Amino acid sequence: MPRKRRLPDVVSIKLPVYQPPEDIFEVVFESEDAREMAEKIIEHIKRNGRMGWDEYRSIFPPEKHYLYFRVIKRLEALGFISRGAYHTYILSKKFCDRMEHLSKLWLFKIGKVEEIW
């Protein structure tokens, strides 16, 4: 019986200080291959509504399958995608909710409570 997939407890992302990023995936992924793969995954889900658990075989060549699992796990852990019915991946807004929560915590910390609501 296959083991249950575990997501990491913590995912670190590097925010550039001096130059704002051009794309969200520049912050999330360090390698260009991972960025391109994430773009393809998101575009596929946007086009079809969801992505089946074995559709990566038809989208990516066999030598890229190892990278697919790293990218999909990171996308799911950060909240860009989530699991739908029948082990499919769907787009998620969880990442936005987490970033919004962080910004509200910061506004509360500096005393700008009126801007939170």
Protein backbone atom coordinates (compact mmCIF):
# COMPACT_ATOMS: atom_id res chain seq x y z
CA MET A 1 0.00 0.00 0.00
CA PRO A 2 1.49 3.38 -0.96
CA ARG A 3 2.34 5.73 1.83
CA LYS A 4 0.48 8.98 2.31
CA ARG A 5 2.16 12.01 0.81
CA ARG A 6 3.48 14.37 3.44
CA LEU A 7 3.91 18.06 2.96
CA PRO A 8 6.71 19.95 4.69
CA ASP A 9 5.88 21.81 7.89
CA VAL A 10 7.75 24.92 6.76
CA VAL A 11 8.61 26.24 3.30
CA SER A 12 11.06 29.10 3.06
CA ILE A 13 10.94 31.65 0.28
CA LYS A 14 13.54 34.31 -0.41
CA LEU A 15 12.20 37.81 -0.90
CA PRO A 16 14.45 40.12 -2.91
CA VAL A 17 15.18 43.38 -1.12
CA TYR A 18 16.46 45.77 -3.77
CA GLN A 19 14.69 44.66 -6.93
CA PRO A 20 11.05 43.54 -6.97
CA PRO A 21 10.48 40.20 -8.69
CA GLU A 22 9.00 40.05 -12.18
CA ASP A 23 7.07 36.86 -11.46
CA ILE A 24 5.84 35.08 -8.33
CA PHE A 25 7.73 31.93 -9.29
CA GLU A 26 11.05 33.82 -9.13
CA VAL A 27 10.50 34.07 -5.39
CA VAL A 28 9.27 30.51 -4.91
CA PHE A 29 11.66 28.50 -7.13
CA GLU A 30 15.39 29.00 -7.53
CA SER A 31 16.02 27.05 -10.75
CA GLU A 32 14.73 28.09 -14.15
CA ASP A 33 13.58 24.53 -14.93
CA ALA A 34 11.37 24.47 -11.84
CA ARG A 35 9.88 27.86 -12.75
CA GLU A 36 9.04 26.72 -16.27
CA MET A 37 7.53 23.49 -14.97
CA ALA A 38 5.39 25.36 -12.44
CA GLU A 39 4.18 27.69 -15.20
CA LYS A 40 3.22 24.70 -17.36
CA ILE A 41 1.39 23.03 -14.47
CA ILE A 42 -0.58 26.19 -13.62
CA GLU A 43 -1.41 26.84 -17.29
CA HIS A 44 -2.60 23.25 -17.69
CA ILE A 45 -4.85 23.53 -14.64
CA LYS A 46 -6.22 26.90 -15.82
CA ARG A 47 -6.96 25.50 -19.27
CA ASN A 48 -8.56 22.21 -18.13
CA GLY A 49 -9.93 23.15 -14.71
CA ARG A 50 -7.94 20.42 -12.95
CA MET A 51 -4.98 18.11 -13.45
CA GLY A 52 -5.12 14.39 -12.83
CA TRP A 53 -2.49 12.71 -10.71
CA ASP A 54 -0.95 10.91 -13.73
CA GLU A 55 -1.28 13.61 -16.40
CA TYR A 56 2.31 14.72 -15.84
CA ARG A 57 3.42 11.74 -17.95
CA SER A 58 1.90 13.24 -21.08
CA ILE A 59 3.00 16.81 -20.34
CA PHE A 60 6.64 16.33 -19.30
CA PRO A 61 9.36 14.05 -20.68
CA PRO A 62 10.49 11.10 -18.51
CA GLU A 63 13.77 12.77 -17.54
CA LYS A 64 11.80 15.63 -15.90
CA HIS A 65 9.50 13.45 -13.78
CA TYR A 66 11.76 13.71 -10.71
CA LEU A 67 11.52 17.50 -10.86
CA TYR A 68 7.74 17.36 -11.28
CA PHE A 69 7.26 15.80 -7.85
CA ARG A 70 9.45 18.44 -6.20
CA VAL A 71 7.58 21.27 -7.91
CA ILE A 72 4.11 19.89 -7.25
CA LYS A 73 4.89 19.30 -3.58
CA ARG A 74 6.13 22.88 -3.18
CA LEU A 75 3.12 24.31 -5.02
CA GLU A 76 0.78 22.32 -2.81
CA ALA A 77 2.62 23.17 0.42
CA LEU A 78 2.56 26.90 -0.31
CA GLY A 79 -1.11 26.84 -1.26
CA PHE A 80 -0.98 27.60 -4.98
CA ILE A 81 -2.80 24.35 -5.69
CA SER A 82 -4.75 21.89 -3.60
CA ARG A 83 -6.16 18.40 -3.94
CA GLY A 84 -9.57 18.05 -5.51
CA ALA A 85 -11.77 15.01 -5.95
CA TYR A 86 -10.24 11.76 -7.21
CA HIS A 87 -6.63 12.85 -6.52
CA THR A 88 -6.72 15.76 -8.94
CA TYR A 89 -5.01 19.11 -8.47
CA ILE A 90 -7.00 22.34 -8.62
CA LEU A 91 -5.99 25.98 -8.26
CA SER A 92 -6.18 27.37 -4.75
CA LYS A 93 -6.26 30.79 -3.15
CA LYS A 94 -4.68 29.61 0.09
CA PHE A 95 -1.36 31.34 -0.70
CA CYS A 96 -3.13 34.71 -1.01
CA ASP A 97 -4.95 34.14 2.26
CA ARG A 98 -1.68 33.38 4.06
CA MET A 99 0.06 36.47 2.67
CA GLU A 100 -2.95 38.62 3.56
CA HIS A 101 -2.86 37.26 7.11
CA LEU A 102 0.84 38.17 7.38
CA SER A 103 0.16 41.70 6.18
CA LYS A 104 -2.65 42.10 8.72
CA LEU A 105 -0.37 40.87 11.50
CA TRP A 106 2.21 43.47 10.49
CA LEU A 107 -0.35 46.29 10.38
CA PHE A 108 -1.58 45.26 13.84
CA LYS A 109 2.01 45.19 15.13
CA ILE A 110 2.76 48.74 13.96
CA GLY A 111 -0.55 50.12 15.23
CA LYS A 112 -2.40 50.68 11.96
CA VAL A 113 -5.46 48.78 13.14
CA GLU A 114 -7.87 51.00 11.19
CA GLU A 115 -6.31 49.78 7.92
CA ILE A 116 -6.99 46.13 8.74
CA TRP A 117 -10.77 46.32 8.46
